[in-house]
Amino acid sequence: MITILITEDELKAKEALTKMLEQEGYALSADAEQGNVVRVVKKDCIRDLAFIKDKVIELENSLFTEKKGVLYKSVLEAIEKPLLEQTLERCEGNQLKAARILGINRNTMRAKINKLGIDVSRWKINL
């Protein structure tokens, strides 16, 4: 949906824009240091981060007694493969793009793909 607002009233324009963005699921916060700058954050991102944190804690709690001594490694193994696979899927199998999104080196990405036995070809688009 595209809404066009034409007004000379800056406050009215800001209120209308805020209302539209909130309806689309964005959270807005004014940055006091920047004056009229408004920071827009997708609410789902905030919720997803809290959800992930809760799930990691839940995973750690379930593995705590079972994996004493290797808990850190066990939690990372449980998270790493799905994270790499999801990122590769979003990047249509492009390892370089996925590595950049994850903030890791391309060679590290390839090493992790091999170590975890991930088949990248399933996401590549055949033209």
N, C-alpha and C. Protein backbone atom coordinates (compact mmCIF):
# COMPACT_ATOMS: atom_id res chain seq x y z
N MET A 1 0.84 -1.17 0.00
CA MET A 1 0.00 0.00 0.00
C MET A 1 0.89 1.24 0.00
N ILE A 2 0.55 2.18 -0.82
CA ILE A 2 1.28 3.44 -0.87
C ILE A 2 0.32 4.55 -0.45
N THR A 3 0.73 5.31 0.55
CA THR A 3 -0.06 6.44 1.02
C THR A 3 0.76 7.69 0.80
N ILE A 4 0.15 8.70 0.21
CA ILE A 4 0.84 9.96 -0.03
C ILE A 4 0.20 11.02 0.87
N LEU A 5 1.04 11.68 1.63
CA LEU A 5 0.59 12.73 2.53
C LEU A 5 1.22 14.04 2.07
N ILE A 6 0.38 15.00 1.77
CA ILE A 6 0.88 16.31 1.36
C ILE A 6 0.41 17.31 2.41
N THR A 7 1.38 17.89 3.11
CA THR A 7 1.05 18.86 4.14
C THR A 7 2.25 19.75 4.41
N GLU A 8 2.00 20.92 4.88
CA GLU A 8 3.08 21.82 5.28
C GLU A 8 3.32 21.73 6.77
N ASP A 9 2.46 20.99 7.46
CA ASP A 9 2.57 20.84 8.91
C ASP A 9 3.51 19.67 9.22
N GLU A 10 4.72 20.00 9.66
CA GLU A 10 5.75 18.98 9.92
C GLU A 10 5.30 17.99 10.99
N LEU A 11 4.66 18.46 12.04
CA LEU A 11 4.20 17.60 13.12
C LEU A 11 3.15 16.61 12.62
N LYS A 12 2.23 17.11 11.79
CA LYS A 12 1.18 16.25 11.24
C LYS A 12 1.80 15.17 10.34
N ALA A 13 2.79 15.55 9.55
CA ALA A 13 3.46 14.59 8.67
C ALA A 13 4.19 13.52 9.49
N LYS A 14 4.86 13.94 10.55
CA LYS A 14 5.59 13.00 11.41
C LYS A 14 4.62 12.04 12.09
N GLU A 15 3.49 12.54 12.58
CA GLU A 15 2.49 11.70 13.23
C GLU A 15 1.91 10.68 12.25
N ALA A 16 1.61 11.12 11.03
CA ALA A 16 1.05 10.22 10.03
C ALA A 16 2.05 9.15 9.63
N LEU A 17 3.29 9.55 9.45
CA LEU A 17 4.34 8.60 9.09
C LEU A 17 4.55 7.59 10.22
N THR A 18 4.57 8.08 11.44
CA THR A 18 4.73 7.21 12.60
C THR A 18 3.61 6.18 12.66
N LYS A 19 2.39 6.64 12.46
CA LYS A 19 1.22 5.74 12.50
C LYS A 19 1.33 4.67 11.41
N MET A 20 1.71 5.08 10.20
CA MET A 20 1.83 4.11 9.09
C MET A 20 2.91 3.08 9.38
N LEU A 21 4.06 3.53 9.87
CA LEU A 21 5.15 2.61 10.16
C LEU A 21 4.79 1.65 11.29
N GLU A 22 4.12 2.15 12.32
CA GLU A 22 3.71 1.28 13.42
C GLU A 22 2.72 0.23 12.96
N GLN A 23 1.83 0.58 12.03
CA GLN A 23 0.88 -0.39 11.49
C GLN A 23 1.59 -1.49 10.71
N GLU A 24 2.75 -1.17 10.17
CA GLU A 24 3.54 -2.15 9.43
C GLU A 24 4.48 -2.94 10.33
N GLY A 25 4.45 -2.69 11.64
CA GLY A 25 5.24 -3.47 12.57
C GLY A 25 6.59 -2.88 12.92
N TYR A 26 6.77 -1.58 12.74
CA TYR A 26 8.03 -0.95 13.08
C TYR A 26 7.93 -0.24 14.43
N ALA A 27 9.04 -0.23 15.15
CA ALA A 27 9.11 0.52 16.41
C ALA A 27 9.91 1.78 16.12
N LEU A 28 9.48 2.89 16.67
CA LEU A 28 10.14 4.17 16.43
C LEU A 28 10.67 4.74 17.73
N SER A 29 11.86 5.30 17.66
CA SER A 29 12.40 5.98 18.83
C SER A 29 13.13 7.23 18.37
N ALA A 30 12.84 8.33 19.02
CA ALA A 30 13.48 9.60 18.67
C ALA A 30 14.88 9.61 19.27
N ASP A 31 15.83 10.10 18.50
CA ASP A 31 17.20 10.22 18.95
C ASP A 31 17.40 11.66 19.42
N ALA A 32 17.50 11.84 20.71
CA ALA A 32 17.57 13.19 21.28
C ALA A 32 18.76 13.98 20.77
N GLU A 33 19.88 13.30 20.53
CA GLU A 33 21.08 13.98 20.08
C GLU A 33 20.97 14.45 18.63
N GLN A 34 20.13 13.82 17.86
CA GLN A 34 20.04 14.13 16.44
C GLN A 34 18.88 15.08 16.10
N GLY A 35 18.19 15.57 17.09
CA GLY A 35 17.11 16.51 16.83
C GLY A 35 15.89 15.84 16.24
N ASN A 36 15.64 16.03 14.94
CA ASN A 36 14.45 15.49 14.30
C ASN A 36 14.64 14.09 13.73
N VAL A 37 15.77 13.47 13.99
CA VAL A 37 16.02 12.13 13.47
C VAL A 37 15.22 11.12 14.26
N VAL A 38 14.55 10.23 13.56
CA VAL A 38 13.78 9.15 14.19
C VAL A 38 14.38 7.83 13.72
N ARG A 39 14.71 6.98 14.68
CA ARG A 39 15.28 5.67 14.35
C ARG A 39 14.13 4.69 14.20
N VAL A 40 14.13 3.93 13.11
CA VAL A 40 13.08 2.96 12.82
C VAL A 40 13.67 1.57 12.98
N VAL A 41 13.02 0.75 13.81
CA VAL A 41 13.48 -0.61 14.05
C VAL A 41 12.31 -1.56 13.84
N LYS A 42 12.51 -2.58 13.03
CA LYS A 42 11.46 -3.57 12.81
C LYS A 42 11.21 -4.31 14.11
N LYS A 43 9.97 -4.33 14.59
CA LYS A 43 9.64 -4.96 15.86
C LYS A 43 10.00 -6.44 15.84
N ASP A 44 9.81 -7.09 14.71
CA ASP A 44 10.10 -8.52 14.63
C ASP A 44 11.56 -8.80 14.94
N CYS A 45 12.47 -7.90 14.56
CA CYS A 45 13.89 -8.09 14.84
C CYS A 45 14.13 -8.13 16.34
N ILE A 46 13.51 -7.23 17.06
CA ILE A 46 13.67 -7.18 18.50
C ILE A 46 13.08 -8.43 19.12
N ARG A 47 11.91 -8.81 18.69
CA ARG A 47 11.26 -10.01 19.20
C ARG A 47 12.07 -11.25 18.88
N ASP A 48 12.60 -11.33 17.65
CA ASP A 48 13.39 -12.49 17.24
C ASP A 48 14.64 -12.64 18.08
N LEU A 49 15.31 -11.52 18.38
CA LEU A 49 16.52 -11.58 19.21
C LEU A 49 16.20 -12.07 20.61
N ALA A 50 15.10 -11.60 21.18
CA ALA A 50 14.70 -12.06 22.51
C ALA A 50 14.33 -13.54 22.46
N PHE A 51 13.66 -13.95 21.41
CA PHE A 51 13.28 -15.35 21.23
C PHE A 51 14.52 -16.23 21.14
N ILE A 52 15.51 -15.79 20.36
CA ILE A 52 16.74 -16.56 20.20
C ILE A 52 17.46 -16.68 21.54
N LYS A 53 17.54 -15.58 22.26
CA LYS A 53 18.20 -15.62 23.57
C LYS A 53 17.50 -16.62 24.49
N ASP A 54 16.17 -16.59 24.51
CA ASP A 54 15.41 -17.53 25.34
C ASP A 54 15.67 -18.97 24.92
N LYS A 55 15.73 -19.21 23.62
CA LYS A 55 15.96 -20.58 23.12
C LYS A 55 17.36 -21.07 23.46
N VAL A 56 18.36 -20.19 23.40
CA VAL A 56 19.73 -20.57 23.76
C VAL A 56 19.79 -20.93 25.24
N ILE A 57 19.13 -20.13 26.07
CA ILE A 57 19.10 -20.42 27.50
C ILE A 57 18.39 -21.74 27.76
N GLU A 58 17.29 -21.96 27.05
CA GLU A 58 16.55 -23.22 27.18
C GLU A 58 17.42 -24.41 26.76
N LEU A 59 18.14 -24.25 25.66
CA LEU A 59 19.03 -25.29 25.17
C LEU A 59 20.14 -25.57 26.18
N GLU A 60 20.72 -24.50 26.71
CA GLU A 60 21.78 -24.65 27.71
C GLU A 60 21.26 -25.38 28.94
N ASN A 61 20.06 -25.01 29.39
CA ASN A 61 19.48 -25.67 30.56
C ASN A 61 19.24 -27.16 30.32
N SER A 62 18.79 -27.50 29.12
CA SER A 62 18.52 -28.91 28.82
C SER A 62 19.80 -29.73 28.68
N LEU A 63 20.89 -29.10 28.28
CA LEU A 63 22.15 -29.82 28.09
C LEU A 63 23.08 -29.74 29.29
N PHE A 64 22.73 -28.91 30.28
CA PHE A 64 23.65 -28.60 31.38
C PHE A 64 24.21 -29.85 32.07
N THR A 65 23.36 -30.75 32.52
CA THR A 65 23.86 -31.93 33.24
C THR A 65 24.37 -32.99 32.29
N GLU A 66 23.75 -33.07 31.13
CA GLU A 66 24.12 -34.11 30.15
C GLU A 66 25.47 -33.85 29.49
N LYS A 67 25.82 -32.61 29.27
CA LYS A 67 27.02 -32.26 28.49
C LYS A 67 28.06 -31.51 29.30
N LYS A 68 28.15 -31.79 30.59
CA LYS A 68 29.16 -31.10 31.41
C LYS A 68 30.54 -31.31 30.81
N GLY A 69 31.28 -30.23 30.71
CA GLY A 69 32.63 -30.29 30.15
C GLY A 69 32.67 -30.00 28.66
N VAL A 70 31.55 -30.18 27.97
CA VAL A 70 31.49 -29.88 26.54
C VAL A 70 30.23 -29.07 26.21
N LEU A 71 29.70 -28.39 27.21
CA LEU A 71 28.46 -27.63 27.04
C LEU A 71 28.59 -26.55 25.96
N TYR A 72 29.66 -25.76 26.03
CA TYR A 72 29.86 -24.68 25.04
C TYR A 72 29.87 -25.25 23.63
N LYS A 73 30.65 -26.29 23.42
CA LYS A 73 30.76 -26.92 22.11
C LYS A 73 29.42 -27.49 21.66
N SER A 74 28.67 -28.09 22.56
CA SER A 74 27.37 -28.68 22.23
C SER A 74 26.36 -27.63 21.81
N VAL A 75 26.33 -26.51 22.53
CA VAL A 75 25.39 -25.43 22.18
C VAL A 75 25.76 -24.83 20.83
N LEU A 76 27.05 -24.59 20.60
CA LEU A 76 27.48 -24.05 19.30
C LEU A 76 27.13 -24.99 18.15
N GLU A 77 27.35 -26.28 18.33
CA GLU A 77 27.03 -27.24 17.29
C GLU A 77 25.53 -27.25 16.99
N ALA A 78 24.71 -27.08 18.02
CA ALA A 78 23.26 -27.08 17.82
C ALA A 78 22.79 -25.84 17.06
N ILE A 79 23.51 -24.75 17.20
CA ILE A 79 23.10 -23.48 16.59
C ILE A 79 23.78 -23.24 15.23
N GLU A 80 25.04 -23.63 15.11
CA GLU A 80 25.84 -23.25 13.95
C GLU A 80 25.31 -23.78 12.63
N LYS A 81 25.00 -25.06 12.55
CA LYS A 81 24.56 -25.63 11.27
C LYS A 81 23.26 -25.00 10.78
N PRO A 82 22.21 -24.91 11.61
CA PRO A 82 20.98 -24.26 11.13
C PRO A 82 21.20 -22.80 10.72
N LEU A 83 22.08 -22.09 11.45
CA LEU A 83 22.37 -20.70 11.11
C LEU A 83 23.03 -20.60 9.74
N LEU A 84 24.03 -21.43 9.49
CA LEU A 84 24.70 -21.42 8.19
C LEU A 84 23.74 -21.81 7.08
N GLU A 85 22.95 -22.85 7.31
CA GLU A 85 22.01 -23.31 6.28
C GLU A 85 20.97 -22.24 5.95
N GLN A 86 20.44 -21.59 6.96
CA GLN A 86 19.44 -20.54 6.72
C GLN A 86 20.04 -19.37 5.95
N THR A 87 21.25 -19.00 6.31
CA THR A 87 21.92 -17.89 5.63
C THR A 87 22.23 -18.25 4.18
N LEU A 88 22.71 -19.47 3.96
CA LEU A 88 22.98 -19.93 2.59
C LEU A 88 21.70 -19.98 1.76
N GLU A 89 20.62 -20.41 2.37
CA GLU A 89 19.33 -20.46 1.66
C GLU A 89 18.92 -19.05 1.22
N ARG A 90 19.05 -18.09 2.12
CA ARG A 90 18.69 -16.70 1.79
C ARG A 90 19.59 -16.12 0.71
N CYS A 91 20.83 -16.62 0.64
CA CYS A 91 21.80 -16.13 -0.35
C CYS A 91 21.85 -17.04 -1.58
N GLU A 92 20.87 -17.93 -1.71
CA GLU A 92 20.78 -18.86 -2.84
C GLU A 92 22.07 -19.63 -3.05
N GLY A 93 22.70 -20.05 -1.94
CA GLY A 93 23.90 -20.86 -2.00
C GLY A 93 25.19 -20.09 -2.22
N ASN A 94 25.11 -18.77 -2.32
CA ASN A 94 26.32 -17.97 -2.55
C ASN A 94 27.10 -17.86 -1.24
N GLN A 95 28.22 -18.58 -1.19
CA GLN A 95 29.01 -18.66 0.04
C GLN A 95 29.65 -17.33 0.42
N LEU A 96 30.08 -16.57 -0.55
CA LEU A 96 30.71 -15.29 -0.27
C LEU A 96 29.71 -14.32 0.37
N LYS A 97 28.50 -14.24 -0.21
CA LYS A 97 27.47 -13.37 0.37
C LYS A 97 27.10 -13.82 1.77
N ALA A 98 26.94 -15.13 1.95
CA ALA A 98 26.58 -15.66 3.26
C ALA A 98 27.67 -15.35 4.29
N ALA A 99 28.92 -15.50 3.89
CA ALA A 99 30.03 -15.22 4.80
C ALA A 99 30.03 -13.74 5.20
N ARG A 100 29.76 -12.87 4.25
CA ARG A 100 29.72 -11.43 4.55
C ARG A 100 28.60 -11.10 5.53
N ILE A 101 27.43 -11.70 5.32
CA ILE A 101 26.29 -11.47 6.21
C ILE A 101 26.63 -11.94 7.63
N LEU A 102 27.27 -13.11 7.71
CA LEU A 102 27.62 -13.67 9.02
C LEU A 102 28.82 -12.98 9.66
N GLY A 103 29.58 -12.23 8.85
CA GLY A 103 30.75 -11.54 9.38
C GLY A 103 31.95 -12.46 9.57
N ILE A 104 32.03 -13.48 8.72
CA ILE A 104 33.17 -14.39 8.79
C ILE A 104 33.88 -14.41 7.44
N ASN A 105 35.10 -14.89 7.44
CA ASN A 105 35.90 -15.00 6.24
C ASN A 105 35.33 -16.07 5.31
N ARG A 106 35.46 -15.88 4.01
CA ARG A 106 34.96 -16.84 3.03
C ARG A 106 35.57 -18.23 3.25
N ASN A 107 36.88 -18.28 3.53
CA ASN A 107 37.53 -19.57 3.76
C ASN A 107 37.02 -20.24 5.03
N THR A 108 36.73 -19.45 6.05
CA THR A 108 36.15 -19.99 7.27
C THR A 108 34.77 -20.57 6.97
N MET A 109 34.00 -19.85 6.16
CA MET A 109 32.67 -20.32 5.77
C MET A 109 32.77 -21.66 5.06
N ARG A 110 33.67 -21.76 4.10
CA ARG A 110 33.84 -23.01 3.36
C ARG A 110 34.28 -24.15 4.27
N ALA A 111 35.18 -23.86 5.20
CA ALA A 111 35.65 -24.89 6.14
C ALA A 111 34.49 -25.38 7.01
N LYS A 112 33.64 -24.46 7.46
CA LYS A 112 32.49 -24.84 8.30
C LYS A 112 31.49 -25.65 7.49
N ILE A 113 31.27 -25.28 6.23
CA ILE A 113 30.36 -26.02 5.37
C ILE A 113 30.84 -27.47 5.22
N ASN A 114 32.13 -27.63 4.98
CA ASN A 114 32.69 -28.98 4.83
C ASN A 114 32.62 -29.75 6.14
N LYS A 115 32.99 -29.11 7.24
CA LYS A 115 33.01 -29.76 8.56
C LYS A 115 31.61 -30.23 8.96
N LEU A 116 30.60 -29.40 8.67
CA LEU A 116 29.23 -29.70 9.07
C LEU A 116 28.47 -30.53 8.03
N GLY A 117 29.10 -30.80 6.89
CA GLY A 117 28.47 -31.61 5.85
C GLY A 117 27.27 -30.96 5.20
N ILE A 118 27.36 -29.66 4.95
CA ILE A 118 26.26 -28.92 4.33
C ILE A 118 26.39 -29.00 2.82
N ASP A 119 25.29 -29.37 2.15
CA ASP A 119 25.26 -29.44 0.69
C ASP A 119 24.73 -28.12 0.14
N VAL A 120 25.64 -27.27 -0.32
CA VAL A 120 25.29 -25.93 -0.80
C VAL A 120 24.51 -25.98 -2.11
N SER A 121 24.70 -27.00 -2.88
CA SER A 121 24.07 -27.07 -4.21
C SER A 121 22.54 -27.07 -4.15
N ARG A 122 21.97 -27.46 -3.05
CA ARG A 122 20.50 -27.50 -2.98
C ARG A 122 19.85 -26.13 -3.01
N TRP A 123 20.63 -25.08 -2.76
CA TRP A 123 20.07 -23.72 -2.80
C TRP A 123 20.48 -22.95 -4.03
N LYS A 124 21.39 -23.49 -4.81
CA LYS A 124 21.85 -22.77 -6.01
C LYS A 124 20.77 -22.82 -7.07
N ILE A 125 20.59 -21.70 -7.74
CA ILE A 125 19.59 -21.59 -8.80
C ILE A 125 20.23 -22.02 -10.10
N ASN A 126 19.61 -22.97 -10.77
CA ASN A 126 20.10 -23.41 -12.08
C ASN A 126 19.45 -22.58 -13.17
N LEU A 127 20.26 -21.89 -13.93
CA LEU A 127 19.73 -21.02 -15.00
C LEU A 127 19.73 -21.74 -16.31
